[in-house]
């Protein structure tokens, strides 16, 4: 299946809609107690297992699956090694961002009297991770885009 085909775009859209509806339902039912199924999360210790799975565990599983599939593609199908450096760098940068968000954030917040927290650095490292994913993608694809070459275009 090629990128950008109606089938590939449709599968992405359908999976996004399914996650949006599932997460939206659990969120609204937890907050508004429509079915009273998630009322136990409203009392101490305020833990909503459904939201935890959809907001934390599912994306982590998807990221690990993406890494494994891309590793297989690069090492087995393409027979390359250098793009793996970019992919591993993206994983490391993402992990550093998550460490800032979940571990170091409280110390930054306390040290600055609540003026900033780890979200600033988490966002920066996530951005750098996405940049490394683009570099990875660019290194495994061929540049076959139509690029007009004209002299004096910027005069």
N, C-alpha and C. Protein backbone atom coordinates (compact mmCIF):
# COMPACT_ATOMS: atom_id res chain seq x y z
N UNK A 1 0.85 -1.16 0.00
CA UNK A 1 0.00 0.00 0.00
C UNK A 1 0.91 1.24 0.00
N UNK A 2 0.71 2.10 -0.96
CA UNK A 2 1.53 3.30 -1.08
C UNK A 2 1.00 4.42 -0.19
N UNK A 3 1.91 5.30 0.19
CA UNK A 3 1.52 6.47 0.98
C UNK A 3 0.65 7.39 0.14
N UNK A 4 -0.35 7.98 0.78
CA UNK A 4 -1.18 8.97 0.12
C UNK A 4 -2.32 8.40 -0.70
N UNK A 5 -2.45 7.10 -0.76
CA UNK A 5 -3.57 6.52 -1.50
C UNK A 5 -4.84 6.66 -0.67
N UNK A 6 -5.99 6.62 -1.31
CA UNK A 6 -7.23 6.72 -0.54
C UNK A 6 -7.35 5.66 0.56
N UNK A 7 -6.85 4.45 0.30
CA UNK A 7 -6.92 3.41 1.32
C UNK A 7 -6.05 3.74 2.52
N UNK A 8 -4.81 4.18 2.30
CA UNK A 8 -3.94 4.49 3.44
C UNK A 8 -4.47 5.69 4.22
N UNK A 9 -4.96 6.70 3.52
CA UNK A 9 -5.53 7.87 4.21
C UNK A 9 -6.81 7.50 4.95
N UNK A 10 -7.61 6.62 4.35
CA UNK A 10 -8.84 6.18 5.00
C UNK A 10 -8.57 5.41 6.28
N UNK A 11 -7.55 4.54 6.26
CA UNK A 11 -7.20 3.78 7.46
C UNK A 11 -6.72 4.70 8.58
N UNK A 12 -5.93 5.70 8.22
CA UNK A 12 -5.47 6.67 9.22
C UNK A 12 -6.66 7.42 9.80
N UNK A 13 -7.56 7.87 8.92
CA UNK A 13 -8.73 8.62 9.37
C UNK A 13 -9.63 7.77 10.26
N UNK A 14 -9.87 6.53 9.87
CA UNK A 14 -10.73 5.66 10.67
C UNK A 14 -10.13 5.36 12.04
N UNK A 15 -8.83 5.11 12.11
CA UNK A 15 -8.21 4.85 13.41
C UNK A 15 -8.23 6.09 14.28
N UNK A 16 -8.02 7.27 13.68
CA UNK A 16 -8.08 8.51 14.45
C UNK A 16 -9.49 8.76 14.98
N UNK A 17 -10.49 8.51 14.17
CA UNK A 17 -11.88 8.69 14.61
C UNK A 17 -12.21 7.71 15.73
N UNK A 18 -11.77 6.46 15.60
CA UNK A 18 -12.05 5.46 16.65
C UNK A 18 -11.42 5.86 17.98
N UNK A 19 -10.16 6.32 17.95
CA UNK A 19 -9.52 6.76 19.19
C UNK A 19 -10.19 8.01 19.76
N UNK A 20 -10.58 8.93 18.88
CA UNK A 20 -11.24 10.15 19.33
C UNK A 20 -12.57 9.84 20.00
N UNK A 21 -13.35 8.98 19.38
CA UNK A 21 -14.66 8.64 19.95
C UNK A 21 -14.49 7.87 21.27
N UNK A 22 -13.58 6.90 21.30
CA UNK A 22 -13.37 6.13 22.53
C UNK A 22 -12.88 7.00 23.67
N UNK A 23 -11.88 7.82 23.40
CA UNK A 23 -11.35 8.69 24.44
C UNK A 23 -12.37 9.75 24.84
N UNK A 24 -13.05 10.30 23.87
CA UNK A 24 -14.07 11.32 24.16
C UNK A 24 -15.19 10.78 25.01
N UNK A 25 -15.64 9.56 24.69
CA UNK A 25 -16.72 8.96 25.48
C UNK A 25 -16.28 8.74 26.93
N UNK A 26 -15.11 8.14 27.11
CA UNK A 26 -14.64 7.85 28.48
C UNK A 26 -14.42 9.16 29.24
N UNK A 27 -13.87 10.17 28.57
CA UNK A 27 -13.65 11.45 29.23
C UNK A 27 -14.96 12.09 29.67
N UNK A 28 -15.92 12.14 28.76
CA UNK A 28 -17.20 12.77 29.09
C UNK A 28 -17.98 11.96 30.11
N UNK A 29 -17.94 10.62 29.99
CA UNK A 29 -18.65 9.80 30.96
C UNK A 29 -18.01 9.90 32.34
N UNK A 30 -16.69 10.05 32.40
CA UNK A 30 -16.02 10.23 33.69
C UNK A 30 -16.41 11.56 34.31
N UNK A 31 -16.41 12.61 33.50
CA UNK A 31 -16.68 13.95 34.02
C UNK A 31 -18.16 14.17 34.35
N UNK A 32 -19.04 13.66 33.50
CA UNK A 32 -20.47 13.95 33.66
C UNK A 32 -21.29 12.81 34.24
N UNK A 33 -20.67 11.66 34.47
CA UNK A 33 -21.34 10.50 35.08
C UNK A 33 -22.61 10.10 34.34
N UNK A 34 -22.51 9.99 33.02
CA UNK A 34 -23.70 9.59 32.24
C UNK A 34 -24.16 8.19 32.60
N UNK A 35 -23.25 7.23 32.61
CA UNK A 35 -23.64 5.84 32.88
C UNK A 35 -23.23 5.40 34.28
N UNK A 36 -22.54 6.24 35.01
CA UNK A 36 -22.03 5.96 36.35
C UNK A 36 -21.04 4.79 36.36
N UNK A 37 -20.56 4.37 35.19
CA UNK A 37 -19.58 3.28 35.12
C UNK A 37 -18.22 3.72 35.64
N UNK A 38 -17.86 4.97 35.41
CA UNK A 38 -16.54 5.46 35.80
C UNK A 38 -16.59 6.30 37.07
N UNK A 39 -17.65 6.20 37.86
CA UNK A 39 -17.77 7.00 39.09
C UNK A 39 -16.69 6.68 40.10
N UNK A 40 -16.14 5.48 40.06
CA UNK A 40 -15.09 5.13 41.03
C UNK A 40 -13.85 5.99 40.84
N UNK A 41 -13.67 6.57 39.65
CA UNK A 41 -12.50 7.42 39.43
C UNK A 41 -12.70 8.83 39.99
N UNK A 42 -13.90 9.14 40.44
CA UNK A 42 -14.18 10.46 40.99
C UNK A 42 -13.85 10.54 42.48
N UNK A 43 -13.65 9.39 43.11
CA UNK A 43 -13.29 9.38 44.52
C UNK A 43 -11.80 9.09 44.67
N UNK A 44 -11.28 9.32 45.85
CA UNK A 44 -9.86 9.12 46.11
C UNK A 44 -9.47 7.70 45.75
N UNK A 45 -8.43 7.44 45.05
CA UNK A 45 -7.30 8.26 44.61
C UNK A 45 -7.46 8.86 43.22
N UNK A 46 -8.66 9.00 42.72
CA UNK A 46 -8.94 9.64 41.43
C UNK A 46 -8.14 9.01 40.28
N UNK A 47 -8.25 7.72 40.12
CA UNK A 47 -7.56 7.03 39.04
C UNK A 47 -8.57 6.52 38.02
N UNK A 48 -8.44 6.99 36.79
CA UNK A 48 -9.30 6.52 35.70
C UNK A 48 -8.46 5.61 34.80
N UNK A 49 -8.67 4.32 34.94
CA UNK A 49 -7.88 3.34 34.20
C UNK A 49 -8.14 3.48 32.70
N UNK A 50 -9.38 3.70 32.30
CA UNK A 50 -9.70 3.85 30.88
C UNK A 50 -8.97 5.01 30.24
N UNK A 51 -8.95 6.15 30.91
CA UNK A 51 -8.24 7.31 30.37
C UNK A 51 -6.73 7.08 30.37
N UNK A 52 -6.23 6.41 31.39
CA UNK A 52 -4.80 6.11 31.44
C UNK A 52 -4.39 5.25 30.25
N UNK A 53 -5.21 4.24 29.96
CA UNK A 53 -4.90 3.35 28.83
C UNK A 53 -4.93 4.12 27.52
N UNK A 54 -5.95 4.95 27.31
CA UNK A 54 -6.09 5.64 26.03
C UNK A 54 -5.13 6.81 25.87
N UNK A 55 -4.78 7.49 26.94
CA UNK A 55 -3.90 8.66 26.84
C UNK A 55 -2.42 8.32 27.01
N UNK A 56 -2.11 7.26 27.75
CA UNK A 56 -0.72 6.96 28.06
C UNK A 56 -0.24 5.64 27.42
N UNK A 57 -0.93 4.56 27.66
CA UNK A 57 -0.45 3.25 27.21
C UNK A 57 -0.61 3.03 25.71
N UNK A 58 -1.75 3.39 25.14
CA UNK A 58 -1.97 3.17 23.71
C UNK A 58 -0.94 3.92 22.87
N UNK A 59 -0.69 5.22 23.12
CA UNK A 59 0.36 5.89 22.33
C UNK A 59 1.74 5.27 22.52
N UNK A 60 2.05 4.80 23.72
CA UNK A 60 3.34 4.15 23.95
C UNK A 60 3.45 2.86 23.14
N UNK A 61 2.39 2.08 23.12
CA UNK A 61 2.38 0.84 22.33
C UNK A 61 2.53 1.18 20.84
N UNK A 62 1.85 2.23 20.38
CA UNK A 62 1.95 2.62 18.97
C UNK A 62 3.36 3.08 18.62
N UNK A 63 4.01 3.80 19.53
CA UNK A 63 5.38 4.25 19.29
C UNK A 63 6.35 3.07 19.23
N UNK A 64 6.21 2.12 20.13
CA UNK A 64 7.08 0.94 20.12
C UNK A 64 6.85 0.14 18.84
N UNK A 65 5.59 -0.02 18.45
CA UNK A 65 5.27 -0.73 17.22
C UNK A 65 5.86 -0.01 16.00
N UNK A 66 5.75 1.31 15.96
CA UNK A 66 6.34 2.10 14.87
C UNK A 66 7.84 1.88 14.81
N UNK A 67 8.50 1.95 15.95
CA UNK A 67 9.95 1.75 16.00
C UNK A 67 10.33 0.36 15.49
N UNK A 68 9.63 -0.66 15.92
CA UNK A 68 9.94 -2.02 15.48
C UNK A 68 9.71 -2.21 13.99
N UNK A 69 8.60 -1.67 13.48
CA UNK A 69 8.32 -1.80 12.05
C UNK A 69 9.33 -1.03 11.20
N UNK A 70 9.70 0.17 11.64
CA UNK A 70 10.70 0.94 10.91
C UNK A 70 12.07 0.28 10.98
N UNK A 71 12.40 -0.32 12.11
CA UNK A 71 13.66 -1.04 12.24
C UNK A 71 13.70 -2.21 11.26
N UNK A 72 12.62 -2.95 11.19
CA UNK A 72 12.53 -4.06 10.24
C UNK A 72 12.66 -3.54 8.81
N UNK A 73 11.98 -2.47 8.49
CA UNK A 73 12.03 -1.91 7.14
C UNK A 73 13.45 -1.49 6.77
N UNK A 74 14.11 -0.79 7.67
CA UNK A 74 15.44 -0.27 7.35
C UNK A 74 16.49 -1.38 7.31
N UNK A 75 16.50 -2.25 8.30
CA UNK A 75 17.56 -3.27 8.37
C UNK A 75 17.33 -4.44 7.41
N UNK A 76 16.11 -4.93 7.34
CA UNK A 76 15.84 -6.13 6.53
C UNK A 76 15.49 -5.81 5.08
N UNK A 77 14.58 -4.87 4.88
CA UNK A 77 14.11 -4.59 3.53
C UNK A 77 15.10 -3.72 2.77
N UNK A 78 15.52 -2.61 3.37
CA UNK A 78 16.43 -1.69 2.68
C UNK A 78 17.89 -2.08 2.85
N UNK A 79 18.23 -2.82 3.88
CA UNK A 79 19.60 -3.23 4.11
C UNK A 79 20.52 -2.07 4.48
N UNK A 80 19.99 -1.06 5.12
CA UNK A 80 20.76 0.13 5.50
C UNK A 80 21.00 0.12 7.02
N UNK A 81 22.02 0.84 7.44
CA UNK A 81 22.29 0.97 8.86
C UNK A 81 22.28 2.43 9.31
N UNK A 82 22.74 3.34 8.46
CA UNK A 82 22.85 4.74 8.85
C UNK A 82 21.51 5.38 9.26
N UNK A 83 20.39 5.09 8.55
CA UNK A 83 19.12 5.69 8.99
C UNK A 83 18.72 5.30 10.42
N UNK A 84 19.22 4.16 10.90
CA UNK A 84 18.89 3.73 12.26
C UNK A 84 19.45 4.70 13.30
N UNK A 85 20.57 5.36 12.96
CA UNK A 85 21.11 6.37 13.88
C UNK A 85 20.10 7.51 14.08
N UNK A 86 19.46 7.92 13.00
CA UNK A 86 18.46 8.98 13.09
C UNK A 86 17.24 8.53 13.89
N UNK A 87 16.81 7.29 13.64
CA UNK A 87 15.64 6.77 14.36
C UNK A 87 15.95 6.60 15.85
N UNK A 88 17.12 6.11 16.17
CA UNK A 88 17.50 5.95 17.58
C UNK A 88 17.65 7.32 18.24
N UNK A 89 18.20 8.30 17.51
CA UNK A 89 18.29 9.66 18.05
C UNK A 89 16.90 10.22 18.34
N UNK A 90 15.94 9.95 17.45
CA UNK A 90 14.57 10.41 17.68
C UNK A 90 13.98 9.78 18.94
N UNK A 91 14.23 8.49 19.13
CA UNK A 91 13.73 7.80 20.33
C UNK A 91 14.36 8.38 21.59
N UNK A 92 15.67 8.60 21.55
CA UNK A 92 16.36 9.16 22.72
C UNK A 92 15.85 10.55 23.04
N UNK A 93 15.70 11.40 22.02
CA UNK A 93 15.19 12.76 22.26
C UNK A 93 13.78 12.73 22.82
N UNK A 94 12.94 11.83 22.31
CA UNK A 94 11.58 11.70 22.83
C UNK A 94 11.60 11.24 24.29
N UNK A 95 12.47 10.27 24.59
CA UNK A 95 12.57 9.77 25.97
C UNK A 95 13.05 10.87 26.91
N UNK A 96 14.00 11.69 26.47
CA UNK A 96 14.46 12.80 27.30
C UNK A 96 13.31 13.77 27.57
N UNK A 97 12.51 14.04 26.54
CA UNK A 97 11.34 14.92 26.72
C UNK A 97 10.37 14.36 27.74
N UNK A 98 10.13 13.04 27.69
CA UNK A 98 9.21 12.43 28.64
C UNK A 98 9.78 12.45 30.05
N UNK A 99 11.09 12.31 30.18
CA UNK A 99 11.72 12.41 31.50
C UNK A 99 11.53 13.81 32.06
N UNK A 100 11.68 14.84 31.21
CA UNK A 100 11.45 16.19 31.68
C UNK A 100 9.99 16.38 32.12
N UNK A 101 9.06 15.80 31.37
CA UNK A 101 7.64 15.98 31.67
C UNK A 101 7.23 15.27 32.96
N UNK A 102 7.67 14.03 33.15
CA UNK A 102 7.15 13.22 34.24
C UNK A 102 8.07 13.13 35.45
N UNK A 103 9.36 13.43 35.31
CA UNK A 103 10.27 13.26 36.43
C UNK A 103 10.84 14.60 36.90
N UNK A 104 11.41 15.35 36.00
CA UNK A 104 12.13 16.57 36.37
C UNK A 104 11.20 17.78 36.53
N UNK A 105 10.02 17.70 35.96
CA UNK A 105 9.10 18.84 35.96
C UNK A 105 8.82 19.40 37.35
N UNK A 106 8.61 18.53 38.31
CA UNK A 106 8.28 18.99 39.67
C UNK A 106 9.43 19.80 40.27
N UNK A 107 10.66 19.42 39.97
CA UNK A 107 11.81 20.14 40.50
C UNK A 107 11.98 21.50 39.82
N UNK A 108 11.72 21.54 38.52
CA UNK A 108 11.79 22.82 37.80
C UNK A 108 10.68 23.74 38.31
N UNK A 109 9.50 23.20 38.49
CA UNK A 109 8.36 23.99 38.95
C UNK A 109 8.61 24.54 40.36
N UNK A 110 9.10 23.70 41.25
CA UNK A 110 9.40 24.16 42.60
C UNK A 110 10.54 25.16 42.62
N UNK A 111 11.56 24.93 41.79
CA UNK A 111 12.73 25.81 41.75
C UNK A 111 12.44 27.19 41.18
N UNK A 112 11.42 27.28 40.34
CA UNK A 112 11.07 28.58 39.74
C UNK A 112 9.79 29.15 40.35
N UNK A 113 9.38 28.64 41.48
CA UNK A 113 8.15 29.08 42.17
C UNK A 113 6.93 29.00 41.25
N UNK A 114 6.88 27.96 40.45
CA UNK A 114 5.72 27.74 39.60
C UNK A 114 5.68 28.55 38.32
N UNK A 115 6.75 29.25 38.00
CA UNK A 115 6.75 30.08 36.79
C UNK A 115 6.88 29.24 35.52
N UNK A 116 7.71 28.20 35.53
CA UNK A 116 7.80 27.27 34.41
C UNK A 116 7.86 25.86 34.97
N UNK A 117 7.62 24.89 34.08
CA UNK A 117 7.74 23.49 34.49
C UNK A 117 8.40 22.72 33.36
N UNK A 118 8.39 21.42 33.43
CA UNK A 118 9.07 20.59 32.46
C UNK A 118 8.44 20.57 31.09
N UNK A 119 7.22 21.11 30.96
CA UNK A 119 6.55 21.10 29.66
C UNK A 119 7.33 21.89 28.61
N UNK A 120 8.02 22.92 29.03
CA UNK A 120 8.84 23.71 28.11
C UNK A 120 9.91 22.82 27.46
N UNK A 121 10.63 22.08 28.27
CA UNK A 121 11.70 21.23 27.76
C UNK A 121 11.15 19.98 27.08
N UNK A 122 10.03 19.48 27.59
CA UNK A 122 9.38 18.32 26.95
C UNK A 122 8.98 18.69 25.53
N UNK A 123 8.41 19.86 25.35
CA UNK A 123 8.01 20.31 24.02
C UNK A 123 9.23 20.48 23.11
N UNK A 124 10.29 21.04 23.63
CA UNK A 124 11.51 21.23 22.85
C UNK A 124 12.07 19.88 22.39
N UNK A 125 12.19 18.93 23.30
CA UNK A 125 12.76 17.63 22.93
C UNK A 125 11.82 16.83 22.04
N UNK A 126 10.52 16.98 22.20
CA UNK A 126 9.58 16.33 21.30
C UNK A 126 9.70 16.92 19.90
N UNK A 127 9.85 18.23 19.81
CA UNK A 127 10.06 18.88 18.52
C UNK A 127 11.35 18.36 17.87
N UNK A 128 12.42 18.28 18.63
CA UNK A 128 13.68 17.76 18.09
C UNK A 128 13.53 16.30 17.67
N UNK A 129 12.72 15.54 18.38
CA UNK A 129 12.45 14.16 18.01
C UNK A 129 11.72 14.08 16.68
N UNK A 130 10.74 14.95 16.49
CA UNK A 130 10.01 14.99 15.22
C UNK A 130 10.93 15.40 14.08
N UNK A 131 11.82 16.35 14.33
CA UNK A 131 12.80 16.75 13.32
C UNK A 131 13.68 15.55 12.95
N UNK A 132 14.11 14.79 13.93
CA UNK A 132 14.93 13.60 13.65
C UNK A 132 14.14 12.55 12.89
N UNK A 133 12.84 12.43 13.15
CA UNK A 133 12.01 11.52 12.36
C UNK A 133 11.94 11.97 10.92
N UNK A 134 11.86 13.28 10.70
CA UNK A 134 11.86 13.79 9.33
C UNK A 134 13.20 13.50 8.65
N UNK A 135 14.31 13.69 9.36
CA UNK A 135 15.62 13.38 8.81
C UNK A 135 15.71 11.89 8.50
N UNK A 136 15.20 11.05 9.39
CA UNK A 136 15.16 9.61 9.16
C UNK A 136 14.36 9.30 7.90
N UNK A 137 13.17 9.85 7.80
CA UNK A 137 12.31 9.61 6.65
C UNK A 137 12.99 10.09 5.37
N UNK A 138 13.61 11.25 5.43
CA UNK A 138 14.28 11.79 4.26
C UNK A 138 15.46 10.92 3.83
N UNK A 139 16.10 10.26 4.79
CA UNK A 139 17.25 9.44 4.45
C UNK A 139 16.87 8.10 3.82
N UNK A 140 15.62 7.65 4.02
CA UNK A 140 15.22 6.35 3.46
C UNK A 140 14.35 6.50 2.21
N UNK A 141 14.02 7.71 1.84
CA UNK A 141 13.21 7.91 0.64
C UNK A 141 14.07 8.57 -0.44
N UNK A 142 13.64 8.38 -1.66
CA UNK A 142 14.33 9.00 -2.77
C UNK A 142 13.70 10.35 -3.05
N UNK A 143 14.51 11.30 -3.43
CA UNK A 143 14.00 12.63 -3.78
C UNK A 143 13.47 12.59 -5.21
N UNK A 144 12.21 12.27 -5.37
CA UNK A 144 11.64 12.23 -6.70
C UNK A 144 10.51 13.25 -6.86
N UNK A 145 10.58 14.30 -6.03
CA UNK A 145 9.57 15.34 -6.15
C UNK A 145 9.88 16.20 -7.36
N UNK A 146 8.88 16.70 -8.02
CA UNK A 146 9.14 17.58 -9.16
C UNK A 146 9.65 18.93 -8.67
N UNK A 147 10.91 19.18 -8.89
CA UNK A 147 11.53 20.43 -8.46
C UNK A 147 11.91 21.23 -9.69
N UNK A 148 11.20 22.30 -9.96
CA UNK A 148 11.56 23.09 -11.14
C UNK A 148 12.91 23.77 -10.94
N UNK A 149 13.76 23.64 -11.95
CA UNK A 149 15.08 24.26 -11.89
C UNK A 149 15.08 25.38 -12.91
N UNK A 150 15.05 26.57 -12.41
CA UNK A 150 15.11 27.74 -13.29
C UNK A 150 16.16 28.68 -12.76
N UNK A 151 16.91 29.22 -13.68
CA UNK A 151 17.94 30.16 -13.28
C UNK A 151 17.33 31.54 -13.12
N UNK A 152 17.81 32.24 -12.14
CA UNK A 152 17.35 33.61 -11.93
C UNK A 152 15.95 33.72 -11.37
N UNK A 153 15.48 32.66 -10.69
CA UNK A 153 14.14 32.70 -10.13
C UNK A 153 14.02 33.72 -9.01
N UNK A 154 15.13 33.93 -8.30
CA UNK A 154 15.11 34.89 -7.19
C UNK A 154 15.96 36.10 -7.55
N UNK A 155 15.39 36.95 -8.34
CA UNK A 155 16.12 38.16 -8.73
C UNK A 155 15.53 39.38 -8.10
